[in-house]
Protein backbone atom coordinates (compact mmCIF):
# COMPACT_ATOMS: atom_id res chain seq x y z
CA ASP A 1 -2.62 27.22 -32.38
CA HIS A 2 -5.01 29.87 -31.42
CA PHE A 3 -6.95 27.39 -29.02
CA LYS A 4 -3.74 25.66 -27.77
CA MET A 5 -3.65 25.31 -24.07
CA THR A 6 -0.49 25.90 -21.95
CA ILE A 7 -0.20 23.05 -19.44
CA HIS A 8 1.90 23.06 -16.27
CA ALA A 9 2.17 19.41 -15.01
CA VAL A 10 3.30 18.54 -11.51
CA THR A 11 4.02 14.97 -10.35
CA SER A 12 1.52 13.28 -8.04
CA GLU A 13 1.63 13.82 -4.37
CA LEU A 14 -0.86 11.16 -3.63
CA THR A 15 1.41 8.34 -4.94
CA GLU A 16 4.46 9.48 -2.81
CA THR A 17 5.58 7.21 -0.02
CA LEU A 18 7.48 7.70 3.18
CA TYR A 19 9.09 4.33 3.15
CA ASP A 20 11.41 3.06 0.34
CA GLN A 21 11.67 6.60 -0.76
CA HIS A 22 13.95 6.01 -3.74
CA VAL A 23 11.00 4.19 -5.43
CA ASN A 24 9.60 7.77 -5.57
CA ILE A 25 12.31 8.43 -8.29
CA LEU A 26 10.81 5.72 -10.31
CA ARG A 27 7.27 7.05 -9.86
CA THR A 28 7.99 10.55 -10.73
CA THR A 29 10.09 9.60 -13.69
CA ASN A 30 7.15 7.56 -15.21
CA GLN A 31 4.75 10.45 -14.42
CA ALA A 32 7.26 13.02 -15.94
CA PHE A 33 7.59 10.82 -19.08
CA SER A 34 3.90 10.38 -19.46
CA ALA A 35 3.32 14.13 -19.10
CA ALA A 36 6.14 14.96 -21.59
CA ILE A 37 4.78 12.72 -24.26
CA GLY A 38 1.28 13.96 -23.60
CA GLY A 39 2.37 17.38 -24.80
CA ILE A 40 2.75 19.60 -21.66
CA GLN A 41 4.75 22.82 -21.74
CA TYR A 42 6.04 23.05 -18.10
CA LEU A 43 6.94 20.31 -15.82
CA GLN A 44 7.53 20.38 -11.97
CA ILE A 45 9.03 17.05 -10.59
CA HIS A 46 8.93 16.62 -6.72
CA PRO A 47 12.15 15.37 -5.05
CA PHE A 48 11.84 11.81 -3.72
CA THR A 49 11.84 13.13 -0.09
CA HIS A 50 8.85 15.46 -0.87
CA ALA A 51 6.49 13.42 1.37
CA THR A 52 8.44 14.10 4.49
CA GLY A 53 8.19 17.86 4.04
CA GLU A 54 11.98 18.10 3.81
CA THR A 55 14.38 18.02 0.85
CA ASP A 56 18.13 18.13 0.69
CA GLU A 57 20.63 18.84 -2.13
CA PHE A 58 20.80 15.24 -3.31
CA SER A 59 17.04 14.77 -3.70
CA GLU A 60 16.59 18.10 -5.41
CA ARG A 61 19.51 17.29 -7.91
CA ILE A 62 17.96 13.93 -8.77
CA ALA A 63 14.68 15.76 -9.47
CA ARG A 64 16.41 18.25 -11.62
CA ASN A 65 18.38 15.55 -13.46
CA THR A 66 15.23 13.66 -14.28
CA HIS A 67 14.19 16.62 -16.52
CA LEU A 68 17.60 16.68 -18.13
CA ILE A 69 17.74 12.92 -18.77
CA LEU A 70 14.21 13.02 -20.30
CA LYS A 71 15.13 16.01 -22.55
CA GLU A 72 18.69 15.25 -23.51
CA GLU A 73 18.90 11.42 -23.55
CA THR A 74 15.38 10.18 -24.36
CA ASN A 75 15.00 12.78 -27.11
CA ILE A 76 11.23 12.81 -26.68
CA THR A 77 11.38 16.62 -27.01
CA THR A 78 12.73 16.44 -30.45
CA VAL A 79 9.83 14.42 -31.87
CA VAL A 80 6.60 16.02 -32.79
CA ASP A 81 4.39 13.46 -31.43
CA PRO A 82 6.23 10.68 -29.52
CA ALA A 83 3.06 8.65 -29.02
CA GLY A 84 1.98 9.06 -32.54
CA GLY A 85 1.34 5.89 -34.52
CA SER A 86 0.70 3.67 -31.45
CA TRP A 87 -2.87 2.40 -32.03
CA TYR A 88 -3.19 1.57 -28.42
CA VAL A 89 -2.24 4.95 -27.11
CA GLU A 90 -4.35 6.72 -29.78
CA GLN A 91 -7.43 4.73 -28.83
CA LEU A 92 -6.93 5.46 -25.11
CA THR A 93 -6.49 9.29 -26.07
CA ASP A 94 -9.71 9.25 -28.00
CA GLU A 95 -11.59 7.55 -25.15
CA LEU A 96 -10.11 10.17 -22.66
CA ALA A 97 -11.06 12.99 -24.84
CA GLU A 98 -14.61 11.89 -25.42
CA LYS A 99 -15.27 11.04 -21.64
CA ALA A 100 -13.65 14.44 -20.75
CA TRP A 101 -15.72 16.44 -23.19
CA ALA A 102 -18.88 14.54 -21.89
CA LYS A 103 -17.83 15.64 -18.39
CA PHE A 104 -17.37 19.32 -19.41
CA LEU A 105 -20.80 19.27 -20.86
CA GLU A 106 -22.32 17.73 -17.86
CA ILE A 107 -20.70 20.33 -15.67
CA ASP A 108 -22.00 23.19 -17.97
CA ALA A 109 -25.46 21.74 -17.97
CA ALA A 110 -25.34 21.78 -14.17
CA GLY A 111 -24.50 25.44 -13.87
CA GLY A 112 -20.74 25.54 -14.27
CA ILE A 113 -17.80 24.31 -12.21
CA LEU A 114 -18.08 26.96 -9.58
CA GLU A 115 -21.60 25.94 -8.86
CA LEU A 116 -20.69 22.26 -8.45
CA ILE A 117 -17.80 23.14 -6.10
CA LYS A 118 -20.03 25.27 -3.80
CA GLN A 119 -22.65 22.42 -3.73
CA GLY A 120 -19.69 20.05 -2.86
CA SER A 121 -20.78 17.51 -5.43
CA LEU A 122 -17.49 17.61 -7.39
CA GLN A 123 -15.55 17.14 -4.16
CA LYS A 124 -17.73 14.14 -3.43
CA GLU A 125 -17.32 12.64 -6.79
CA ILE A 126 -13.46 12.85 -6.49
CA ALA A 127 -13.54 11.52 -2.97
CA GLU A 128 -15.38 8.43 -4.09
CA VAL A 129 -12.70 7.64 -6.76
CA TYR A 130 -10.08 8.34 -4.23
CA GLN A 131 -11.71 6.02 -1.61
CA GLU A 132 -11.74 3.21 -4.16
CA ARG A 133 -7.98 3.61 -4.67
CA VAL A 134 -7.56 3.41 -0.86
CA GLN A 135 -9.62 0.25 -0.72
CA ASN A 136 -7.51 -1.26 -3.50
CA ALA A 137 -4.37 -0.55 -1.81
CA ALA A 138 -5.82 -2.03 1.44
CA PHE A 139 -6.77 -5.17 -0.34
CA ARG A 140 -3.26 -5.01 -2.25
CA LYS A 141 -5.10 -5.02 -5.53
CA GLU A 142 -3.20 -1.85 -6.09
CA SER A 143 0.56 -2.34 -5.38
CA ILE A 144 2.65 0.29 -3.62
CA ILE A 145 6.18 -1.04 -3.80
CA GLY A 146 8.01 -0.93 -0.54
CA THR A 147 4.76 -0.16 1.32
CA ASN A 148 2.15 -2.64 0.90
CA VAL A 149 4.10 -5.11 -1.08
CA TYR A 150 7.90 -5.95 -0.88
CA PRO A 151 8.30 -3.77 2.23
CA ASN A 152 11.90 -3.54 3.50
CA PRO A 153 11.82 -4.18 7.26
CA ALA A 154 15.18 -2.42 7.89
CA ASP A 155 13.86 0.75 6.40
CA LYS A 156 13.19 3.43 9.17
CA ILE A 157 11.86 6.93 8.66
CA LYS A 158 12.46 10.10 10.71
CA ASN A 159 9.45 12.22 11.97
CA THR A 160 7.89 14.04 9.17
CA THR A 161 7.48 17.92 9.16
CA LYS A 162 4.81 17.83 6.60
CA ASP A 163 1.05 17.56 7.16
CA LYS A 164 -0.13 14.13 6.05
CA HIS A 165 -2.99 15.64 3.92
CA VAL A 166 -2.74 16.72 0.40
CA SER A 167 -4.91 19.91 0.26
CA TYR A 168 -6.51 20.96 -3.05
CA MET A 169 -8.76 24.00 -3.64
CA LYS A 170 -7.41 26.06 -0.77
CA VAL A 171 -10.01 28.90 -0.41
CA ALA A 172 -11.07 31.45 2.15
CA LYS A 173 -13.83 30.20 4.40
CA PRO A 174 -16.46 32.98 3.49
CA VAL A 175 -16.56 31.80 -0.12
CA GLY A 176 -18.55 28.83 1.31
CA ILE A 177 -16.54 26.10 -0.47
CA THR A 178 -15.46 22.98 1.22
CA PRO A 179 -11.88 22.33 0.36
CA LEU A 180 -10.86 18.81 -0.90
CA GLU A 181 -8.59 17.14 1.54
CA LEU A 182 -6.97 13.85 0.43
CA GLU A 183 -4.19 11.73 2.11
CA ARG A 184 -1.47 10.00 0.28
CA VAL A 185 -2.63 6.53 -0.62
CA SER A 186 0.17 4.90 1.28
CA SER A 187 -0.62 6.85 4.62
CA GLN A 188 -2.81 4.07 5.75
CA PHE A 189 0.05 1.72 5.96
CA GLU A 190 2.61 4.20 7.18
CA ARG A 191 0.54 5.07 10.23
CA ILE A 192 0.44 1.42 11.27
CA ARG A 193 4.17 0.97 10.65
CA LEU A 194 4.95 4.09 12.47
CA ARG A 195 2.98 2.77 15.45
CA SER A 196 5.05 -0.41 15.36
CA GLU A 197 8.37 1.64 15.34
CA LYS A 198 7.28 3.69 18.24
CA PHE A 199 6.37 0.55 20.06
CA LYS A 200 9.88 -0.94 19.32
CA GLY A 201 11.53 2.41 20.49
CA ILE A 202 9.78 2.19 23.91
CA SER A 203 9.83 -1.47 24.54
CA GLY A 204 13.13 -2.42 22.93
CA THR A 205 11.47 -5.19 20.77
CA ALA A 206 9.44 -4.98 17.61
CA PRO A 207 5.85 -6.47 17.70
CA THR A 208 6.39 -10.12 16.74
CA ILE A 209 4.27 -12.98 15.74
CA GLY A 210 5.47 -16.66 15.27
CA LEU A 211 5.04 -18.83 12.24
CA ILE A 212 4.41 -22.51 12.80
CA ASN A 213 5.91 -23.91 9.66
CA LEU A 214 4.72 -27.51 8.72
CA ILE A 215 6.67 -30.44 7.27
CA ASN A 216 9.25 -28.99 5.02
CA LEU A 217 10.57 -25.74 3.18
CA LYS A 218 8.83 -26.64 0.00
CA SER A 219 5.48 -27.01 1.79
CA TYR A 220 5.48 -24.07 3.99
CA LYS A 221 7.75 -21.34 2.23
CA PRO A 222 4.93 -19.83 -0.18
CA ARG A 223 2.65 -19.12 2.68
CA ALA A 224 5.33 -18.15 5.25
CA ASP A 225 6.83 -15.62 2.83
CA PHE A 226 3.29 -14.25 2.26
CA VAL A 227 2.51 -13.67 5.90
CA GLN A 228 6.02 -12.40 6.50
CA SER A 229 5.64 -9.72 3.87
CA LEU A 230 2.15 -8.91 5.05
CA ALA A 231 3.27 -8.48 8.58
CA ALA A 232 6.35 -6.41 7.46
CA ALA A 233 4.00 -3.84 5.87
CA GLY A 234 2.77 -2.98 9.38
CA GLY A 235 6.16 -3.20 10.92
CA ILE A 236 5.34 -6.54 12.58
CA GLU A 237 8.40 -8.99 12.69
CA THR A 238 8.10 -12.79 12.33
CA ILE A 239 9.86 -15.72 13.76
CA GLY A 240 9.38 -18.95 11.94
CA SER A 241 10.02 -22.49 13.13
CA LYS A 242 11.82 -25.07 11.10
CA GLY A 243 9.60 -27.57 9.43
CA CYS A 244 7.57 -29.27 12.24
CA GLN A 245 6.96 -32.90 11.40
CA THR A 246 5.10 -33.73 14.67
CA VAL A 247 2.70 -32.19 17.26
CA GLU A 248 5.59 -32.44 19.86
CA GLU A 249 8.01 -30.28 17.57
CA ALA A 250 5.24 -27.58 17.16
CA ILE A 251 4.64 -27.44 21.00
CA ASP A 252 8.37 -27.16 21.64
CA TYR A 253 8.60 -24.24 19.28
CA VAL A 254 5.73 -22.52 20.87
CA ALA A 255 7.04 -23.07 24.27
CA ALA A 256 10.51 -21.86 23.53
CA THR A 257 9.31 -18.61 21.80
CA LYS A 258 6.24 -17.80 23.97
CA LEU A 259 4.60 -15.19 21.67
CA PRO A 260 0.93 -13.99 21.96
CA ILE A 261 0.22 -14.72 18.30
CA TYR A 262 1.13 -17.73 15.91
CA CYS A 263 0.18 -18.22 12.35
CA LEU A 264 0.20 -21.91 10.82
CA CYS A 265 1.98 -22.05 7.39
CA GLY A 266 1.89 -25.20 5.23
CA SER A 267 0.23 -26.94 2.21
CA ASP A 268 -3.43 -27.73 2.13
CA GLY A 269 -2.49 -31.32 2.57
CA ASP A 270 -0.42 -30.58 5.67
CA TYR A 271 -3.39 -28.68 7.11
CA SER A 272 -5.86 -31.62 6.60
CA GLU A 273 -3.52 -34.15 8.36
CA LEU A 274 -1.49 -32.36 11.00
CA ALA A 275 -2.93 -28.92 11.61
CA PRO A 276 -5.99 -29.76 13.67
CA VAL A 277 -4.20 -31.92 16.15
CA ILE A 278 -1.31 -29.31 16.55
CA ILE A 279 -3.84 -26.45 16.93
CA LYS A 280 -5.84 -28.61 19.60
CA GLU A 281 -2.75 -29.24 21.55
CA ILE A 282 -1.50 -25.65 21.54
CA LYS A 283 -4.80 -24.36 22.65
CA LYS A 284 -4.93 -26.99 25.45
CA GLN A 285 -1.45 -26.21 26.71
CA PHE A 286 -1.50 -22.43 25.90
CA PRO A 287 -5.22 -21.29 26.03
CA GLU A 288 -4.29 -17.53 25.95
CA ILE A 289 -2.40 -17.80 22.54
CA THR A 290 -4.22 -16.59 19.30
CA ILE A 291 -3.62 -18.87 16.39
CA TYR A 292 -4.24 -17.87 12.68
CA SER A 293 -3.75 -19.98 9.59
CA ALA A 294 -2.17 -18.82 6.25
CA GLY A 295 -4.36 -19.30 3.05
CA LYS A 296 -7.91 -19.58 2.34
CA GLN A 297 -9.35 -23.13 2.81
CA GLN A 298 -12.36 -25.19 1.60
CA GLU A 299 -15.24 -24.75 3.87
CA GLU A 300 -15.20 -28.10 5.38
CA LEU A 301 -11.47 -27.84 6.24
CA GLU A 302 -11.97 -24.15 7.46
CA ILE A 303 -14.74 -25.44 9.79
CA THR A 304 -12.46 -28.11 11.15
CA LEU A 305 -9.56 -25.77 11.73
CA ARG A 306 -11.94 -23.15 13.46
CA GLU A 307 -13.31 -25.77 15.77
CA ALA A 308 -9.71 -26.80 16.63
CA GLY A 309 -8.96 -23.21 17.73
CA VAL A 310 -7.97 -21.18 14.66
CA LYS A 311 -9.11 -17.43 15.13
CA ASP A 312 -9.00 -16.54 11.36
CA PHE A 313 -7.41 -17.12 7.94
CA ILE A 314 -4.87 -14.75 6.57
CA HIS A 315 -5.10 -14.83 2.73
CA VAL A 316 -4.42 -12.63 -0.36
CA LYS A 317 -8.09 -11.42 -0.69
CA MET A 318 -8.35 -10.02 2.73
CA ASN A 319 -8.15 -6.30 3.85
CA ALA A 320 -4.44 -6.04 4.86
CA ILE A 321 -5.07 -2.89 6.89
CA SER A 322 -7.80 -4.62 8.99
CA ILE A 323 -5.70 -7.70 9.78
CA LEU A 324 -2.63 -5.46 10.64
CA LEU A 325 -4.65 -3.44 13.06
CA GLU A 326 -6.18 -6.55 14.54
CA LEU A 327 -2.67 -8.06 15.07
CA LEU A 328 -1.29 -4.86 16.57
CA GLN A 329 -4.26 -4.64 19.05
CA LYS A 330 -3.70 -8.30 20.19
CA LEU A 331 0.08 -7.58 20.51
CA GLY A 332 -0.67 -4.56 22.87
CA VAL A 333 0.47 -1.95 20.54
CA ASN A 334 -1.35 1.47 20.96
């Protein structure tokens, strides 16, 4: 017990989101549970509205009750080692301890932590790991429920009073230490969505793209749902056609909706047969319209569709932030 550390744990600010705020309750509960079974002594749980800079009686009560449920109802505080006996957890703990100790020795050999912080090398190392997380969220390899996946288009947020940065190592400038400034990982999506909300507030209509759905529901629904969800992550609404069986039906839909951007949604087979003629005719009659296609295609079909007039392909492996910014720019959203 002589060497036992006293640990004060705080739930993560980086994982908090502005949209779908109630998901923050689930995030902080998971984090609090993990901290408790990890052996901390003190625990601070942020209210689910913490990212806005404002809390209320309800959000604070939920945060307090999370402590109480973990203590009184899960009984994790009555067990000496809640994770004990789990080979999986024990192995991870051993790996973490070994890597942490190696890191401590590395820092010590470099002259100590203060020296590394003065040099800025520790901040650089943390920033690189953070940037990887930001990239993973942008490519949706890392899911942020309610933000980059499963967004709720009806969800609106008020102006936040809190600075978007999460600041660590706050120090006086004369010390010569560069503070570590990180943003919440979800901020990159929230900025885009807030731009769309502002645009809607001024113009009266949300930025909107059209979906040219081919043949029937079974054929187009998977890709139409994908594009709709991706667009919603940036506050962009979608208007979809019923299954277009012919070129004429697609042209009639475009003529009736008159949007600057459309995305083709259908099966690979539908793209091979119907898409090139539809795209060519749309570009012929409405040359100013930008057309995208949902889903990554084989090189030969991709070349055919591009030659017909497709600007690009919207698919799961692309950077969602980049395509959302591109769409907003083409829709005239500043």
